[in-house]
Amino acid sequence: MHVHLQQPADGAQAPRFLRLTLVPDLFGGWELLRESGRVGARSQLRRELYLKADEARHAYEKARDAELHRGFQILSHGD
């Protein structure tokens, strides 16, 4: 499951992006990967670990909804 979000360009600076990816790990848990930065620049990757799928999905949805509330737009998504 993943979603790619981006803020509209505001003129002088490149727009910001955020990619959220939810994947199972090798030990039966789940990882929420958050990659963010400016388009065309270096990005930052954060990794959050969850033991249960429903906790991981809730964190994914909460992060996605928070960024949509901040003005990001969905560019692509998949399950």
PDB file of N, CA and C in Angstrom:
ATOM      1  N   MET A   1       0.847  -1.148   0.000  1.00  0.00           N
ATOM      2  CA  MET A   1       0.000   0.000   0.000  1.00  0.00           C
ATOM      3  C   MET A   1       0.909   1.232   0.000  1.00  0.00           C
ATOM      4  N   HIS A   2       0.629   2.184  -0.892  1.00  0.00           N
ATOM      5  CA  HIS A   2       1.435   3.388  -0.951  1.00  0.00           C
ATOM      6  C   HIS A   2       0.621   4.562  -1.483  1.00  0.00           C
ATOM      7  N   VAL A   3       1.091   5.760  -1.172  1.00  0.00           N
ATOM      8  CA  VAL A   3       0.495   6.980  -1.697  1.00  0.00           C
ATOM      9  C   VAL A   3       1.613   8.002  -1.889  1.00  0.00           C
ATOM     10  N   HIS A   4       1.550   8.740  -2.992  1.00  0.00           N
ATOM     11  CA  HIS A   4       2.512   9.793  -3.291  1.00  0.00           C
ATOM     12  C   HIS A   4       1.753  11.117  -3.279  1.00  0.00           C
ATOM     13  N   LEU A   5       2.166  12.025  -2.378  1.00  0.00           N
ATOM     14  CA  LEU A   5       1.511  13.321  -2.197  1.00  0.00           C
ATOM     15  C   LEU A   5       2.485  14.434  -2.566  1.00  0.00           C
ATOM     16  N   GLN A   6       1.928  15.563  -3.024  1.00  0.00           N
ATOM     17  CA  GLN A   6       2.776  16.698  -3.349  1.00  0.00           C
ATOM     18  C   GLN A   6       2.030  17.995  -3.090  1.00  0.00           C
ATOM     19  N   GLN A   7       2.770  19.003  -2.588  1.00  0.00           N
ATOM     20  CA  GLN A   7       2.192  20.323  -2.418  1.00  0.00           C
ATOM     21  C   GLN A   7       2.262  21.059  -3.750  1.00  0.00           C
ATOM     22  N   PRO A   8       1.300  21.915  -4.025  1.00  0.00           N
ATOM     23  CA  PRO A   8       1.394  22.738  -5.239  1.00  0.00           C
ATOM     24  C   PRO A   8       2.606  23.656  -5.165  1.00  0.00           C
ATOM     25  N   ALA A   9       3.235  23.932  -6.302  1.00  0.00           N
ATOM     26  CA  ALA A   9       4.393  24.831  -6.339  1.00  0.00           C
ATOM     27  C   ALA A   9       3.961  26.233  -5.930  1.00  0.00           C
ATOM     28  N   ASP A  10       4.815  26.902  -5.156  1.00  0.00           N
ATOM     29  CA  ASP A  10       4.483  28.248  -4.701  1.00  0.00           C
ATOM     30  C   ASP A  10       5.359  29.313  -5.353  1.00  0.00           C
ATOM     31  N   GLY A  11       5.987  29.006  -6.452  1.00  0.00           N
ATOM     32  CA  GLY A  11       6.774  30.005  -7.170  1.00  0.00           C
ATOM     33  C   GLY A  11       8.267  29.761  -7.083  1.00  0.00           C
ATOM     34  N   ALA A  12       8.917  30.354  -6.101  1.00  0.00           N
ATOM     35  CA  ALA A  12      10.375  30.357  -6.031  1.00  0.00           C
ATOM     36  C   ALA A  12      10.967  28.995  -5.671  1.00  0.00           C
ATOM     37  N   GLN A  13      10.312  28.242  -4.810  1.00  0.00           N
ATOM     38  CA  GLN A  13      10.876  26.972  -4.349  1.00  0.00           C
ATOM     39  C   GLN A  13      10.180  25.792  -5.036  1.00  0.00           C
ATOM     40  N   ALA A  14      10.929  24.708  -5.161  1.00  0.00           N
ATOM     41  CA  ALA A  14      10.352  23.475  -5.697  1.00  0.00           C
ATOM     42  C   ALA A  14       9.307  22.953  -4.716  1.00  0.00           C
ATOM     43  N   PRO A  15       8.267  22.301  -5.215  1.00  0.00           N
ATOM     44  CA  PRO A  15       7.233  21.778  -4.315  1.00  0.00           C
ATOM     45  C   PRO A  15       7.758  20.645  -3.440  1.00  0.00           C
ATOM     46  N   ARG A  16       7.143  20.476  -2.283  1.00  0.00           N
ATOM     47  CA  ARG A  16       7.483  19.386  -1.371  1.00  0.00           C
ATOM     48  C   ARG A  16       6.677  18.146  -1.753  1.00  0.00           C
ATOM     49  N   PHE A  17       7.250  16.984  -1.458  1.00  0.00           N
ATOM     50  CA  PHE A  17       6.547  15.733  -1.707  1.00  0.00           C
ATOM     51  C   PHE A  17       6.622  14.851  -0.473  1.00  0.00           C
ATOM     52  N   LEU A  18       5.732  13.897  -0.425  1.00  0.00           N
ATOM     53  CA  LEU A  18       5.729  12.888   0.637  1.00  0.00           C
ATOM     54  C   LEU A  18       5.263  11.577   0.025  1.00  0.00           C
ATOM     55  N   ARG A  19       5.997  10.522   0.264  1.00  0.00           N
ATOM     56  CA  ARG A  19       5.604   9.187  -0.179  1.00  0.00           C
ATOM     57  C   ARG A  19       5.453   8.324   1.063  1.00  0.00           C
ATOM     58  N   LEU A  20       4.265   7.771   1.262  1.00  0.00           N
ATOM     59  CA  LEU A  20       3.994   6.853   2.370  1.00  0.00           C
ATOM     60  C   LEU A  20       3.860   5.449   1.801  1.00  0.00           C
ATOM     61  N   THR A  21       4.574   4.503   2.396  1.00  0.00           N
ATOM     62  CA  THR A  21       4.521   3.114   1.946  1.00  0.00           C
ATOM     63  C   THR A  21       4.360   2.221   3.165  1.00  0.00           C
ATOM     64  N   LEU A  22       3.407   1.318   3.105  1.00  0.00           N
ATOM     65  CA  LEU A  22       3.150   0.369   4.182  1.00  0.00           C
ATOM     66  C   LEU A  22       3.451  -1.032   3.664  1.00  0.00           C
ATOM     67  N   VAL A  23       4.431  -1.696   4.296  1.00  0.00           N
ATOM     68  CA  VAL A  23       4.859  -3.014   3.828  1.00  0.00           C
ATOM     69  C   VAL A  23       5.073  -3.956   5.013  1.00  0.00           C
ATOM     70  N   PRO A  24       4.859  -5.257   4.806  1.00  0.00           N
ATOM     71  CA  PRO A  24       5.182  -6.218   5.864  1.00  0.00           C
ATOM     72  C   PRO A  24       6.699  -6.357   5.984  1.00  0.00           C
ATOM     73  N   ASP A  25       7.173  -6.609   7.210  1.00  0.00           N
ATOM     74  CA  ASP A  25       8.609  -6.831   7.381  1.00  0.00           C
ATOM     75  C   ASP A  25       8.896  -8.335   7.456  1.00  0.00           C
ATOM     76  N   LEU A  26      10.133  -8.690   7.642  1.00  0.00           N
ATOM     77  CA  LEU A  26      10.533 -10.104   7.629  1.00  0.00           C
ATOM     78  C   LEU A  26      10.182 -10.851   8.901  1.00  0.00           C
ATOM     79  N   PHE A  27       9.744 -10.140   9.934  1.00  0.00           N
ATOM     80  CA  PHE A  27       9.501 -10.763  11.229  1.00  0.00           C
ATOM     81  C   PHE A  27       8.030 -10.804  11.611  1.00  0.00           C
ATOM     82  N   GLY A  28       7.143 -10.580  10.653  1.00  0.00           N
ATOM     83  CA  GLY A  28       5.716 -10.651  10.917  1.00  0.00           C
ATOM     84  C   GLY A  28       5.081  -9.329  11.318  1.00  0.00           C
ATOM     85  N   GLY A  29       5.866  -8.272  11.377  1.00  0.00           N
ATOM     86  CA  GLY A  29       5.344  -6.951  11.699  1.00  0.00           C
ATOM     87  C   GLY A  29       5.120  -6.138  10.440  1.00  0.00           C
ATOM     88  N   TRP A  30       4.987  -4.842  10.618  1.00  0.00           N
ATOM     89  CA  TRP A  30       4.726  -3.926   9.500  1.00  0.00           C
ATOM     90  C   TRP A  30       5.629  -2.715   9.609  1.00  0.00           C
ATOM     91  N   GLU A  31       6.014  -2.166   8.463  1.00  0.00           N
ATOM     92  CA  GLU A  31       6.827  -0.956   8.402  1.00  0.00           C
ATOM     93  C   GLU A  31       6.068   0.136   7.656  1.00  0.00           C
ATOM     94  N   LEU A  32       6.055   1.322   8.241  1.00  0.00           N
ATOM     95  CA  LEU A  32       5.539   2.498   7.561  1.00  0.00           C
ATOM     96  C   LEU A  32       6.745   3.339   7.178  1.00  0.00           C
ATOM     97  N   LEU A  33       6.975   3.484   5.876  1.00  0.00           N
ATOM     98  CA  LEU A  33       8.095   4.257   5.362  1.00  0.00           C
ATOM     99  C   LEU A  33       7.578   5.620   4.932  1.00  0.00           C
ATOM    100  N   ARG A  34       8.242   6.677   5.409  1.00  0.00           N
ATOM    101  CA  ARG A  34       7.880   8.054   5.050  1.00  0.00           C
ATOM    102  C   ARG A  34       9.084   8.694   4.374  1.00  0.00           C
ATOM    103  N   GLU A  35       8.976   8.945   3.082  1.00  0.00           N
ATOM    104  CA  GLU A  35      10.033   9.624   2.347  1.00  0.00           C
ATOM    105  C   GLU A  35       9.521  11.015   2.008  1.00  0.00           C
ATOM    106  N   SER A  36      10.286  12.041   2.359  1.00  0.00           N
ATOM    107  CA  SER A  36       9.823  13.406   2.127  1.00  0.00           C
ATOM    108  C   SER A  36      10.977  14.307   1.727  1.00  0.00           C
ATOM    109  N   GLY A  37      10.626  15.417   1.087  1.00  0.00           N
ATOM    110  CA  GLY A  37      11.627  16.398   0.696  1.00  0.00           C
ATOM    111  C   GLY A  37      11.081  17.306  -0.387  1.00  0.00           C
ATOM    112  N   ARG A  38      11.980  18.005  -1.046  1.00  0.00           N
ATOM    113  CA  ARG A  38      11.619  18.864  -2.169  1.00  0.00           C
ATOM    114  C   ARG A  38      11.875  18.100  -3.467  1.00  0.00           C
ATOM    115  N   VAL A  39      11.024  18.320  -4.449  1.00  0.00           N
ATOM    116  CA  VAL A  39      11.183  17.680  -5.747  1.00  0.00           C
ATOM    117  C   VAL A  39      12.523  18.107  -6.338  1.00  0.00           C
ATOM    118  N   GLY A  40      13.337  17.135  -6.755  1.00  0.00           N
ATOM    119  CA  GLY A  40      14.633  17.413  -7.346  1.00  0.00           C
ATOM    120  C   GLY A  40      15.774  17.550  -6.361  1.00  0.00           C
ATOM    121  N   ALA A  41      15.495  17.423  -5.072  1.00  0.00           N
ATOM    122  CA  ALA A  41      16.532  17.544  -4.043  1.00  0.00           C
ATOM    123  C   ALA A  41      16.627  16.235  -3.267  1.00  0.00           C
ATOM    124  N   ARG A  42      17.541  16.181  -2.318  1.00  0.00           N
ATOM    125  CA  ARG A  42      17.681  14.991  -1.483  1.00  0.00           C
ATOM    126  C   ARG A  42      16.445  14.836  -0.612  1.00  0.00           C
ATOM    127  N   SER A  43      16.118  13.613  -0.339  1.00  0.00           N
ATOM    128  CA  SER A  43      14.947  13.337   0.489  1.00  0.00           C
ATOM    129  C   SER A  43      15.375  12.726   1.816  1.00  0.00           C
ATOM    130  N   GLN A  44      14.431  12.678   2.736  1.00  0.00           N
ATOM    131  CA  GLN A  44      14.648  12.079   4.048  1.00  0.00           C
ATOM    132  C   GLN A  44      13.730  10.865   4.150  1.00  0.00           C
ATOM    133  N   LEU A  45      14.230   9.782   4.699  1.00  0.00           N
ATOM    134  CA  LEU A  45      13.447   8.568   4.862  1.00  0.00           C
ATOM    135  C   LEU A  45      13.355   8.233   6.343  1.00  0.00           C
ATOM    136  N   ARG A  46      12.122   8.077   6.821  1.00  0.00           N
ATOM    137  CA  ARG A  46      11.885   7.649   8.204  1.00  0.00           C
ATOM    138  C   ARG A  46      11.142   6.323   8.161  1.00  0.00           C
ATOM    139  N   ARG A  47      11.441   5.469   9.123  1.00  0.00           N
ATOM    140  CA  ARG A  47      10.850   4.140   9.181  1.00  0.00           C
ATOM    141  C   ARG A  47      10.215   3.946  10.552  1.00  0.00           C
ATOM    142  N   GLU A  48       8.941   3.546  10.551  1.00  0.00           N
ATOM    143  CA  GLU A  48       8.232   3.263  11.799  1.00  0.00           C
ATOM    144  C   GLU A  48       7.818   1.792  11.776  1.00  0.00           C
ATOM    145  N   LEU A  49       8.017   1.115  12.884  1.00  0.00           N
ATOM    146  CA  LEU A  49       7.712  -0.308  12.979  1.00  0.00           C
ATOM    147  C   LEU A  49       6.460  -0.528  13.813  1.00  0.00           C
ATOM    148  N   TYR A  50       5.621  -1.459  13.372  1.00  0.00           N
ATOM    149  CA  TYR A  50       4.383  -1.812  14.068  1.00  0.00           C
ATOM    150  C   TYR A  50       4.273  -3.331  14.135  1.00  0.00           C
ATOM    151  N   LEU A  51       3.716  -3.819  15.232  1.00  0.00           N
ATOM    152  CA  LEU A  51       3.545  -5.261  15.397  1.00  0.00           C
ATOM    153  C   LEU A  51       2.267  -5.766  14.747  1.00  0.00           C
ATOM    154  N   LYS A  52       1.242  -4.917  14.703  1.00  0.00           N
ATOM    155  CA  LYS A  52      -0.062  -5.341  14.191  1.00  0.00           C
ATOM    156  C   LYS A  52      -0.431  -4.563  12.947  1.00  0.00           C
ATOM    157  N   ALA A  53      -1.077  -5.257  12.004  1.00  0.00           N
ATOM    158  CA  ALA A  53      -1.456  -4.643  10.734  1.00  0.00           C
ATOM    159  C   ALA A  53      -2.441  -3.500  10.927  1.00  0.00           C
ATOM    160  N   ASP A  54      -3.391  -3.640  11.848  1.00  0.00           N
ATOM    161  CA  ASP A  54      -4.386  -2.579  12.022  1.00  0.00           C
ATOM    162  C   ASP A  54      -3.758  -1.314  12.605  1.00  0.00           C
ATOM    163  N   GLU A  55      -2.767  -1.449  13.483  1.00  0.00           N
ATOM    164  CA  GLU A  55      -2.056  -0.286  14.015  1.00  0.00           C
ATOM    165  C   GLU A  55      -1.281   0.423  12.904  1.00  0.00           C
ATOM    166  N   ALA A  56      -0.644  -0.365  12.051  1.00  0.00           N
ATOM    167  CA  ALA A  56       0.134   0.192  10.947  1.00  0.00           C
ATOM    168  C   ALA A  56      -0.786   0.910   9.955  1.00  0.00           C
ATOM    169  N   ARG A  57      -1.915   0.309   9.638  1.00  0.00           N
ATOM    170  CA  ARG A  57      -2.856   0.930   8.705  1.00  0.00           C
ATOM    171  C   ARG A  57      -3.409   2.227   9.293  1.00  0.00           C
ATOM    172  N   HIS A  58      -3.701   2.241  10.577  1.00  0.00           N
ATOM    173  CA  HIS A  58      -4.204   3.444  11.224  1.00  0.00           C
ATOM    174  C   HIS A  58      -3.158   4.570  11.156  1.00  0.00           C
ATOM    175  N   ALA A  59      -1.891   4.260  11.409  1.00  0.00           N
ATOM    176  CA  ALA A  59      -0.818   5.255  11.339  1.00  0.00           C
ATOM    177  C   ALA A  59      -0.663   5.780   9.908  1.00  0.00           C
ATOM    178  N   TYR A  60      -0.762   4.896   8.924  1.00  0.00           N
ATOM    179  CA  TYR A  60      -0.682   5.274   7.505  1.00  0.00           C
ATOM    180  C   TYR A  60      -1.813   6.243   7.154  1.00  0.00           C
ATOM    181  N   GLU A  61      -3.035   5.887   7.519  1.00  0.00           N
ATOM    182  CA  GLU A  61      -4.190   6.725   7.206  1.00  0.00           C
ATOM    183  C   GLU A  61      -4.127   8.063   7.938  1.00  0.00           C
ATOM    184  N   LYS A  62      -3.675   8.059   9.171  1.00  0.00           N
ATOM    185  CA  LYS A  62      -3.551   9.294   9.951  1.00  0.00           C
ATOM    186  C   LYS A  62      -2.515  10.222   9.316  1.00  0.00           C
ATOM    187  N   ALA A  63      -1.375   9.681   8.910  1.00  0.00           N
ATOM    188  CA  ALA A  63      -0.332  10.476   8.264  1.00  0.00           C
ATOM    189  C   ALA A  63      -0.828  11.035   6.932  1.00  0.00           C
ATOM    190  N   ARG A  64      -1.495  10.210   6.136  1.00  0.00           N
ATOM    191  CA  ARG A  64      -2.035  10.658   4.846  1.00  0.00           C
ATOM    192  C   ARG A  64      -3.048  11.779   5.035  1.00  0.00           C
ATOM    193  N   ASP A  65      -3.976  11.588   5.958  1.00  0.00           N
ATOM    194  CA  ASP A  65      -5.019  12.588   6.189  1.00  0.00           C
ATOM    195  C   ASP A  65      -4.448  13.901   6.723  1.00  0.00           C
ATOM    196  N   ALA A  66      -3.418  13.829   7.559  1.00  0.00           N
ATOM    197  CA  ALA A  66      -2.791  15.041   8.089  1.00  0.00           C
ATOM    198  C   ALA A  66      -2.152  15.854   6.969  1.00  0.00           C
ATOM    199  N   GLU A  67      -1.506  15.176   6.040  1.00  0.00           N
ATOM    200  CA  GLU A  67      -0.864  15.893   4.934  1.00  0.00           C
ATOM    201  C   GLU A  67      -1.894  16.445   3.958  1.00  0.00           C
ATOM    202  N   LEU A  68      -2.979  15.735   3.737  1.00  0.00           N
ATOM    203  CA  LEU A  68      -4.052  16.263   2.889  1.00  0.00           C
ATOM    204  C   LEU A  68      -4.638  17.525   3.517  1.00  0.00           C
ATOM    205  N   HIS A  69      -4.753  17.537   4.832  1.00  0.00           N
ATOM    206  CA  HIS A  69      -5.270  18.704   5.547  1.00  0.00           C
ATOM    207  C   HIS A  69      -4.309  19.894   5.418  1.00  0.00           C
ATOM    208  N   ARG A  70      -3.009  19.624   5.293  1.00  0.00           N
ATOM    209  CA  ARG A  70      -1.996  20.684   5.145  1.00  0.00           C
ATOM    210  C   ARG A  70      -1.904  21.218   3.717  1.00  0.00           C
ATOM    211  N   GLY A  71      -2.666  20.655   2.781  1.00  0.00           N
ATOM    212  CA  GLY A  71      -2.660  21.169   1.417  1.00  0.00           C
ATOM    213  C   GLY A  71      -1.975  20.288   0.395  1.00  0.00           C
ATOM    214  N   PHE A  72      -1.464  19.138   0.809  1.00  0.00           N
ATOM    215  CA  PHE A  72      -0.879  18.212  -0.156  1.00  0.00           C
ATOM    216  C   PHE A  72      -1.990  17.606  -1.008  1.00  0.00           C
ATOM    217  N   GLN A  73      -1.625  17.208  -2.222  1.00  0.00           N
ATOM    218  CA  GLN A  73      -2.565  16.557  -3.134  1.00  0.00           C
ATOM    219  C   GLN A  73      -2.033  15.179  -3.493  1.00  0.00           C
ATOM    220  N   ILE A  74      -2.937  14.224  -3.706  1.00  0.00           N
ATOM    221  CA  ILE A  74      -2.534  12.876  -4.074  1.00  0.00           C
ATOM    222  C   ILE A  74      -2.178  12.841  -5.563  1.00  0.00           C
ATOM    223  N   LEU A  75      -0.947  12.389  -5.855  1.00  0.00           N
ATOM    224  CA  LEU A  75      -0.515  12.223  -7.235  1.00  0.00           C
ATOM    225  C   LEU A  75      -0.752  10.798  -7.712  1.00  0.00           C
ATOM    226  N   SER A  76      -0.505   9.830  -6.837  1.00  0.00           N
ATOM    227  CA  SER A  76      -0.750   8.431  -7.177  1.00  0.00           C
ATOM    228  C   SER A  76      -0.919   7.637  -5.896  1.00  0.00           C
ATOM    229  N   HIS A  77      -1.606   6.520  -6.011  1.00  0.00           N
ATOM    230  CA  HIS A  77      -1.779   5.636  -4.853  1.00  0.00           C
ATOM    231  C   HIS A  77      -2.023   4.222  -5.347  1.00  0.00           C
ATOM    232  N   GLY A  78      -1.811   3.279  -4.472  1.00  0.00           N
ATOM    233  CA  GLY A  78      -2.026   1.877  -4.799  1.00  0.00           C
ATOM    234  C   GLY A  78      -2.146   1.055  -3.545  1.00  0.00           C
ATOM    235  N   ASP A  79      -2.777  -0.092  -3.672  1.00  0.00           N
ATOM    236  CA  ASP A  79      -2.965  -0.990  -2.521  1.00  0.00           C
ATOM    237  C   ASP A  79      -2.176  -2.257  -2.699  1.00  0.00           C
TER     238      ASP A  79
END
